[in-house]
């Protein structure tokens, strides 16, 4: 899940860059343009996947610390 989240964030960076290049080439005079909703949604999902993965690793490490130490030292 973490790798998928990182891949989504990197792909989103590429999408934003392509969007900016496309807007530079357009004949629109409005300097304030907003990104489409799906770019924001894609970035949010990627960040959420990374956060869930990180929190899962932290929770797994803190919840099973005693069990892991017993297996390592044969309690």
PDB file of N, CA and C in Angstrom:
ATOM      1  N   UNK A   1       0.810  -1.182   0.000  1.00  0.00           N
ATOM      2  CA  UNK A   1       0.000   0.000   0.000  1.00  0.00           C
ATOM      3  C   UNK A   1       0.861   1.256   0.000  1.00  0.00           C
ATOM      4  N   UNK A   2       1.951   1.213   0.730  1.00  0.00           N
ATOM      5  CA  UNK A   2       2.831   2.370   0.772  1.00  0.00           C
ATOM      6  C   UNK A   2       3.455   2.675  -0.575  1.00  0.00           C
ATOM      7  N   UNK A   3       3.863   1.628  -1.292  1.00  0.00           N
ATOM      8  CA  UNK A   3       4.455   1.817  -2.615  1.00  0.00           C
ATOM      9  C   UNK A   3       3.414   2.390  -3.580  1.00  0.00           C
ATOM     10  N   UNK A   4       2.188   1.928  -3.459  1.00  0.00           N
ATOM     11  CA  UNK A   4       1.114   2.465  -4.298  1.00  0.00           C
ATOM     12  C   UNK A   4       0.887   3.941  -3.995  1.00  0.00           C
ATOM     13  N   UNK A   5       0.905   4.304  -2.713  1.00  0.00           N
ATOM     14  CA  UNK A   5       0.739   5.706  -2.333  1.00  0.00           C
ATOM     15  C   UNK A   5       1.847   6.587  -2.873  1.00  0.00           C
ATOM     16  N   UNK A   6       3.080   6.118  -2.776  1.00  0.00           N
ATOM     17  CA  UNK A   6       4.215   6.893  -3.302  1.00  0.00           C
ATOM     18  C   UNK A   6       4.116   7.008  -4.821  1.00  0.00           C
ATOM     19  N   UNK A   7       3.721   5.916  -5.483  1.00  0.00           N
ATOM     20  CA  UNK A   7       3.566   5.953  -6.939  1.00  0.00           C
ATOM     21  C   UNK A   7       2.475   6.945  -7.341  1.00  0.00           C
ATOM     22  N   UNK A   8       1.386   6.999  -6.575  1.00  0.00           N
ATOM     23  CA  UNK A   8       0.309   7.945  -6.874  1.00  0.00           C
ATOM     24  C   UNK A   8       0.779   9.385  -6.696  1.00  0.00           C
ATOM     25  N   UNK A   9       1.576   9.634  -5.668  1.00  0.00           N
ATOM     26  CA  UNK A   9       2.088  10.990  -5.436  1.00  0.00           C
ATOM     27  C   UNK A   9       3.043  11.394  -6.559  1.00  0.00           C
ATOM     28  N   UNK A  10       3.930  10.498  -6.955  1.00  0.00           N
ATOM     29  CA  UNK A  10       4.864  10.811  -8.042  1.00  0.00           C
ATOM     30  C   UNK A  10       4.125  11.027  -9.365  1.00  0.00           C
ATOM     31  N   UNK A  11       3.117  10.205  -9.626  1.00  0.00           N
ATOM     32  CA  UNK A  11       2.319  10.380 -10.839  1.00  0.00           C
ATOM     33  C   UNK A  11       1.567  11.711 -10.804  1.00  0.00           C
ATOM     34  N   UNK A  12       1.112  12.090  -9.621  1.00  0.00           N
ATOM     35  CA  UNK A  12       0.413  13.357  -9.473  1.00  0.00           C
ATOM     36  C   UNK A  12       1.342  14.536  -9.744  1.00  0.00           C
ATOM     37  N   UNK A  13       2.575  14.436  -9.313  1.00  0.00           N
ATOM     38  CA  UNK A  13       3.554  15.491  -9.606  1.00  0.00           C
ATOM     39  C   UNK A  13       3.726  15.632 -11.114  1.00  0.00           C
ATOM     40  N   UNK A  14       3.772  14.495 -11.815  1.00  0.00           N
ATOM     41  CA  UNK A  14       3.901  14.524 -13.261  1.00  0.00           C
ATOM     42  C   UNK A  14       2.658  15.145 -13.909  1.00  0.00           C
ATOM     43  N   UNK A  15       1.468  14.802 -13.396  1.00  0.00           N
ATOM     44  CA  UNK A  15       0.224  15.363 -13.930  1.00  0.00           C
ATOM     45  C   UNK A  15       0.187  16.874 -13.739  1.00  0.00           C
ATOM     46  N   UNK A  16       0.570  17.348 -12.553  1.00  0.00           N
ATOM     47  CA  UNK A  16       0.561  18.788 -12.279  1.00  0.00           C
ATOM     48  C   UNK A  16       1.532  19.505 -13.210  1.00  0.00           C
ATOM     49  N   UNK A  17       2.692  18.927 -13.426  1.00  0.00           N
ATOM     50  CA  UNK A  17       3.680  19.542 -14.323  1.00  0.00           C
ATOM     51  C   UNK A  17       3.135  19.603 -15.750  1.00  0.00           C
ATOM     52  N   UNK A  18       2.508  18.532 -16.206  1.00  0.00           N
ATOM     53  CA  UNK A  18       1.917  18.526 -17.546  1.00  0.00           C
ATOM     54  C   UNK A  18       0.785  19.545 -17.637  1.00  0.00           C
ATOM     55  N   UNK A  19       0.001  19.672 -16.583  1.00  0.00           N
ATOM     56  CA  UNK A  19      -1.089  20.653 -16.556  1.00  0.00           C
ATOM     57  C   UNK A  19      -0.534  22.076 -16.643  1.00  0.00           C
ATOM     58  N   UNK A  20       0.544  22.336 -15.912  1.00  0.00           N
ATOM     59  CA  UNK A  20       1.143  23.667 -15.950  1.00  0.00           C
ATOM     60  C   UNK A  20       1.717  23.982 -17.333  1.00  0.00           C
ATOM     61  N   UNK A  21       2.368  23.014 -17.955  1.00  0.00           N
ATOM     62  CA  UNK A  21       2.905  23.229 -19.294  1.00  0.00           C
ATOM     63  C   UNK A  21       1.785  23.465 -20.301  1.00  0.00           C
ATOM     64  N   UNK A  22       0.685  22.752 -20.139  1.00  0.00           N
ATOM     65  CA  UNK A  22      -0.445  22.934 -21.032  1.00  0.00           C
ATOM     66  C   UNK A  22      -1.087  24.307 -20.833  1.00  0.00           C
ATOM     67  N   UNK A  23      -1.167  24.757 -19.593  1.00  0.00           N
ATOM     68  CA  UNK A  23      -1.761  26.069 -19.323  1.00  0.00           C
ATOM     69  C   UNK A  23      -0.844  27.194 -19.793  1.00  0.00           C
ATOM     70  N   UNK A  24       0.471  26.977 -19.773  1.00  0.00           N
ATOM     71  CA  UNK A  24       1.394  27.995 -20.296  1.00  0.00           C
ATOM     72  C   UNK A  24       1.226  28.175 -21.797  1.00  0.00           C
ATOM     73  N   UNK A  25       0.909  27.102 -22.487  1.00  0.00           N
ATOM     74  CA  UNK A  25       0.742  27.174 -23.923  1.00  0.00           C
ATOM     75  C   UNK A  25      -0.636  27.637 -24.356  1.00  0.00           C
ATOM     76  N   UNK A  26      -1.576  27.732 -23.439  1.00  0.00           N
ATOM     77  CA  UNK A  26      -2.928  28.146 -23.817  1.00  0.00           C
ATOM     78  C   UNK A  26      -3.001  29.655 -23.976  1.00  0.00           C
ATOM     79  N   UNK A  27      -4.049  30.113 -24.604  1.00  0.00           N
ATOM     80  CA  UNK A  27      -4.202  31.544 -24.838  1.00  0.00           C
ATOM     81  C   UNK A  27      -5.020  32.212 -23.736  1.00  0.00           C
ATOM     82  N   UNK A  28      -5.156  31.558 -22.617  1.00  0.00           N
ATOM     83  CA  UNK A  28      -5.903  32.134 -21.501  1.00  0.00           C
ATOM     84  C   UNK A  28      -5.057  33.210 -20.821  1.00  0.00           C
ATOM     85  N   UNK A  29      -5.667  34.365 -20.571  1.00  0.00           N
ATOM     86  CA  UNK A  29      -4.949  35.460 -19.920  1.00  0.00           C
ATOM     87  C   UNK A  29      -5.100  35.439 -18.412  1.00  0.00           C
ATOM     88  N   UNK A  30      -5.894  34.523 -17.879  1.00  0.00           N
ATOM     89  CA  UNK A  30      -6.133  34.458 -16.441  1.00  0.00           C
ATOM     90  C   UNK A  30      -4.966  33.752 -15.757  1.00  0.00           C
ATOM     91  N   UNK A  31      -4.162  34.468 -14.953  1.00  0.00           N
ATOM     92  CA  UNK A  31      -3.022  33.815 -14.296  1.00  0.00           C
ATOM     93  C   UNK A  31      -3.446  32.878 -13.173  1.00  0.00           C
ATOM     94  N   UNK A  32      -4.645  33.064 -12.669  1.00  0.00           N
ATOM     95  CA  UNK A  32      -5.131  32.196 -11.588  1.00  0.00           C
ATOM     96  C   UNK A  32      -5.969  31.074 -12.198  1.00  0.00           C
ATOM     97  N   UNK A  33      -5.378  29.933 -12.335  1.00  0.00           N
ATOM     98  CA  UNK A  33      -6.134  28.791 -12.819  1.00  0.00           C
ATOM     99  C   UNK A  33      -6.113  27.738 -11.720  1.00  0.00           C
ATOM    100  N   UNK A  34      -7.188  26.984 -11.653  1.00  0.00           N
ATOM    101  CA  UNK A  34      -7.268  25.953 -10.630  1.00  0.00           C
ATOM    102  C   UNK A  34      -7.093  24.581 -11.270  1.00  0.00           C
ATOM    103  N   UNK A  35      -6.495  23.701 -10.521  1.00  0.00           N
ATOM    104  CA  UNK A  35      -6.312  22.339 -10.994  1.00  0.00           C
ATOM    105  C   UNK A  35      -7.654  21.624 -10.964  1.00  0.00           C
ATOM    106  N   UNK A  36      -7.868  20.693 -11.855  1.00  0.00           N
ATOM    107  CA  UNK A  36      -9.117  19.931 -11.836  1.00  0.00           C
ATOM    108  C   UNK A  36      -9.262  19.133 -10.530  1.00  0.00           C
ATOM    109  N   UNK A  37     -10.480  18.815 -10.188  1.00  0.00           N
ATOM    110  CA  UNK A  37     -10.770  18.143  -8.931  1.00  0.00           C
ATOM    111  C   UNK A  37     -10.087  16.779  -8.841  1.00  0.00           C
ATOM    112  N   UNK A  38      -9.945  16.069  -9.958  1.00  0.00           N
ATOM    113  CA  UNK A  38      -9.371  14.726  -9.881  1.00  0.00           C
ATOM    114  C   UNK A  38      -7.886  14.751  -9.553  1.00  0.00           C
ATOM    115  N   UNK A  39      -7.196  15.849  -9.874  1.00  0.00           N
ATOM    116  CA  UNK A  39      -5.785  15.947  -9.502  1.00  0.00           C
ATOM    117  C   UNK A  39      -5.668  16.078  -7.985  1.00  0.00           C
ATOM    118  N   UNK A  40      -6.522  16.893  -7.396  1.00  0.00           N
ATOM    119  CA  UNK A  40      -6.523  17.030  -5.939  1.00  0.00           C
ATOM    120  C   UNK A  40      -6.942  15.723  -5.265  1.00  0.00           C
ATOM    121  N   UNK A  41      -7.951  15.056  -5.806  1.00  0.00           N
ATOM    122  CA  UNK A  41      -8.411  13.795  -5.239  1.00  0.00           C
ATOM    123  C   UNK A  41      -7.323  12.723  -5.321  1.00  0.00           C
ATOM    124  N   UNK A  42      -6.641  12.654  -6.447  1.00  0.00           N
ATOM    125  CA  UNK A  42      -5.583  11.661  -6.635  1.00  0.00           C
ATOM    126  C   UNK A  42      -4.444  11.889  -5.640  1.00  0.00           C
ATOM    127  N   UNK A  43      -4.083  13.156  -5.441  1.00  0.00           N
ATOM    128  CA  UNK A  43      -3.035  13.468  -4.475  1.00  0.00           C
ATOM    129  C   UNK A  43      -3.481  13.127  -3.056  1.00  0.00           C
ATOM    130  N   UNK A  44      -4.712  13.446  -2.727  1.00  0.00           N
ATOM    131  CA  UNK A  44      -5.231  13.138  -1.392  1.00  0.00           C
ATOM    132  C   UNK A  44      -5.253  11.650  -1.108  1.00  0.00           C
ATOM    133  N   UNK A  45      -5.645  10.860  -2.083  1.00  0.00           N
ATOM    134  CA  UNK A  45      -5.664   9.409  -1.897  1.00  0.00           C
ATOM    135  C   UNK A  45      -4.249   8.871  -1.735  1.00  0.00           C
ATOM    136  N   UNK A  46      -3.299   9.382  -2.501  1.00  0.00           N
ATOM    137  CA  UNK A  46      -1.905   8.943  -2.366  1.00  0.00           C
ATOM    138  C   UNK A  46      -1.329   9.275  -1.002  1.00  0.00           C
ATOM    139  N   UNK A  47      -1.606  10.479  -0.516  1.00  0.00           N
ATOM    140  CA  UNK A  47      -1.127  10.870   0.808  1.00  0.00           C
ATOM    141  C   UNK A  47      -1.796  10.023   1.885  1.00  0.00           C
ATOM    142  N   UNK A  48      -3.097   9.752   1.723  1.00  0.00           N
ATOM    143  CA  UNK A  48      -3.809   8.933   2.698  1.00  0.00           C
ATOM    144  C   UNK A  48      -3.241   7.511   2.743  1.00  0.00           C
ATOM    145  N   UNK A  49      -2.938   6.933   1.589  1.00  0.00           N
ATOM    146  CA  UNK A  49      -2.359   5.587   1.567  1.00  0.00           C
ATOM    147  C   UNK A  49      -0.997   5.552   2.268  1.00  0.00           C
ATOM    148  N   UNK A  50      -0.176   6.564   2.030  1.00  0.00           N
ATOM    149  CA  UNK A  50       1.125   6.626   2.701  1.00  0.00           C
ATOM    150  C   UNK A  50       0.958   6.778   4.208  1.00  0.00           C
ATOM    151  N   UNK A  51       0.028   7.613   4.626  1.00  0.00           N
ATOM    152  CA  UNK A  51      -0.200   7.834   6.059  1.00  0.00           C
ATOM    153  C   UNK A  51      -0.741   6.575   6.728  1.00  0.00           C
ATOM    154  N   UNK A  52      -1.676   5.887   6.082  1.00  0.00           N
ATOM    155  CA  UNK A  52      -2.228   4.651   6.649  1.00  0.00           C
ATOM    156  C   UNK A  52      -1.140   3.590   6.788  1.00  0.00           C
ATOM    157  N   UNK A  53      -0.294   3.476   5.783  1.00  0.00           N
ATOM    158  CA  UNK A  53       0.793   2.499   5.836  1.00  0.00           C
ATOM    159  C   UNK A  53       1.769   2.829   6.960  1.00  0.00           C
ATOM    160  N   UNK A  54       2.125   4.091   7.079  1.00  0.00           N
ATOM    161  CA  UNK A  54       3.056   4.509   8.124  1.00  0.00           C
ATOM    162  C   UNK A  54       2.455   4.275   9.509  1.00  0.00           C
ATOM    163  N   UNK A  55       1.207   4.654   9.692  1.00  0.00           N
ATOM    164  CA  UNK A  55       0.557   4.437  10.990  1.00  0.00           C
ATOM    165  C   UNK A  55       0.403   2.952  11.298  1.00  0.00           C
ATOM    166  N   UNK A  56       0.166   2.132  10.285  1.00  0.00           N
ATOM    167  CA  UNK A  56       0.077   0.691  10.488  1.00  0.00           C
ATOM    168  C   UNK A  56       1.398   0.090  10.944  1.00  0.00           C
ATOM    169  N   UNK A  57       2.496   0.562  10.367  1.00  0.00           N
ATOM    170  CA  UNK A  57       3.812   0.082  10.796  1.00  0.00           C
ATOM    171  C   UNK A  57       4.103   0.511  12.232  1.00  0.00           C
ATOM    172  N   UNK A  58       3.769   1.732  12.568  1.00  0.00           N
ATOM    173  CA  UNK A  58       3.991   2.222  13.934  1.00  0.00           C
ATOM    174  C   UNK A  58       3.138   1.437  14.920  1.00  0.00           C
ATOM    175  N   UNK A  59       1.868   1.219  14.587  1.00  0.00           N
ATOM    176  CA  UNK A  59       0.976   0.476  15.482  1.00  0.00           C
ATOM    177  C   UNK A  59       1.439  -0.972  15.634  1.00  0.00           C
ATOM    178  N   UNK A  60       1.853  -1.581  14.550  1.00  0.00           N
ATOM    179  CA  UNK A  60       2.341  -2.957  14.631  1.00  0.00           C
ATOM    180  C   UNK A  60       3.603  -3.075  15.458  1.00  0.00           C
ATOM    181  N   UNK A  61       4.465  -2.106  15.351  1.00  0.00           N
ATOM    182  CA  UNK A  61       5.713  -2.136  16.116  1.00  0.00           C
ATOM    183  C   UNK A  61       5.455  -1.905  17.602  1.00  0.00           C
ATOM    184  N   UNK A  62       4.595  -0.974  17.939  1.00  0.00           N
ATOM    185  CA  UNK A  62       4.354  -0.676  19.357  1.00  0.00           C
ATOM    186  C   UNK A  62       3.470  -1.714  20.018  1.00  0.00           C
ATOM    187  N   UNK A  63       2.525  -2.305  19.303  1.00  0.00           N
ATOM    188  CA  UNK A  63       1.609  -3.268  19.905  1.00  0.00           C
ATOM    189  C   UNK A  63       2.274  -4.623  20.127  1.00  0.00           C
ATOM    190  N   UNK A  64       3.199  -5.007  19.300  1.00  0.00           N
ATOM    191  CA  UNK A  64       3.799  -6.333  19.379  1.00  0.00           C
ATOM    192  C   UNK A  64       5.239  -6.306  19.883  1.00  0.00           C
ATOM    193  N   UNK A  65       5.627  -5.257  20.550  1.00  0.00           N
ATOM    194  CA  UNK A  65       7.011  -5.158  21.020  1.00  0.00           C
ATOM    195  C   UNK A  65       7.325  -6.258  22.023  1.00  0.00           C
ATOM    196  N   UNK A  66       6.434  -6.525  22.965  1.00  0.00           N
ATOM    197  CA  UNK A  66       6.692  -7.557  23.975  1.00  0.00           C
ATOM    198  C   UNK A  66       6.748  -8.937  23.332  1.00  0.00           C
ATOM    199  N   UNK A  67       5.851  -9.226  22.417  1.00  0.00           N
ATOM    200  CA  UNK A  67       5.840 -10.536  21.766  1.00  0.00           C
ATOM    201  C   UNK A  67       7.098 -10.751  20.929  1.00  0.00           C
ATOM    202  N   UNK A  68       7.537  -9.710  20.251  1.00  0.00           N
ATOM    203  CA  UNK A  68       8.746  -9.844  19.438  1.00  0.00           C
ATOM    204  C   UNK A  68       9.976 -10.048  20.300  1.00  0.00           C
ATOM    205  N   UNK A  69      10.016  -9.399  21.472  1.00  0.00           N
ATOM    206  CA  UNK A  69      11.183  -9.576  22.338  1.00  0.00           C
ATOM    207  C   UNK A  69      11.192 -10.962  22.970  1.00  0.00           C
ATOM    208  N   UNK A  70      10.025 -11.537  23.222  1.00  0.00           N
ATOM    209  CA  UNK A  70       9.963 -12.891  23.781  1.00  0.00           C
ATOM    210  C   UNK A  70      10.422 -13.922  22.755  1.00  0.00           C
ATOM    211  N   UNK A  71      10.076 -13.733  21.510  1.00  0.00           N
ATOM    212  CA  UNK A  71      10.491 -14.667  20.468  1.00  0.00           C
ATOM    213  C   UNK A  71      11.987 -14.584  20.262  1.00  0.00           C
ATOM    214  N   UNK A  72      12.541 -13.361  20.328  1.00  0.00           N
ATOM    215  CA  UNK A  72      13.960 -13.181  20.092  1.00  0.00           C
ATOM    216  C   UNK A  72      14.809 -13.740  21.234  1.00  0.00           C
ATOM    217  N   UNK A  73      14.333 -13.600  22.453  1.00  0.00           N
ATOM    218  CA  UNK A  73      15.134 -14.004  23.620  1.00  0.00           C
ATOM    219  C   UNK A  73      14.615 -15.258  24.289  1.00  0.00           C
ATOM    220  N   UNK A  74      13.621 -15.912  23.721  1.00  0.00           N
ATOM    221  CA  UNK A  74      13.032 -17.142  24.263  1.00  0.00           C
ATOM    222  C   UNK A  74      12.610 -16.966  25.711  1.00  0.00           C
ATOM    223  N   UNK A  75      11.619 -16.114  25.963  1.00  0.00           N
ATOM    224  CA  UNK A  75      11.118 -15.849  27.311  1.00  0.00           C
ATOM    225  C   UNK A  75      10.515 -17.049  27.934  1.00  0.00           C
TER     226      UNK A  75
END
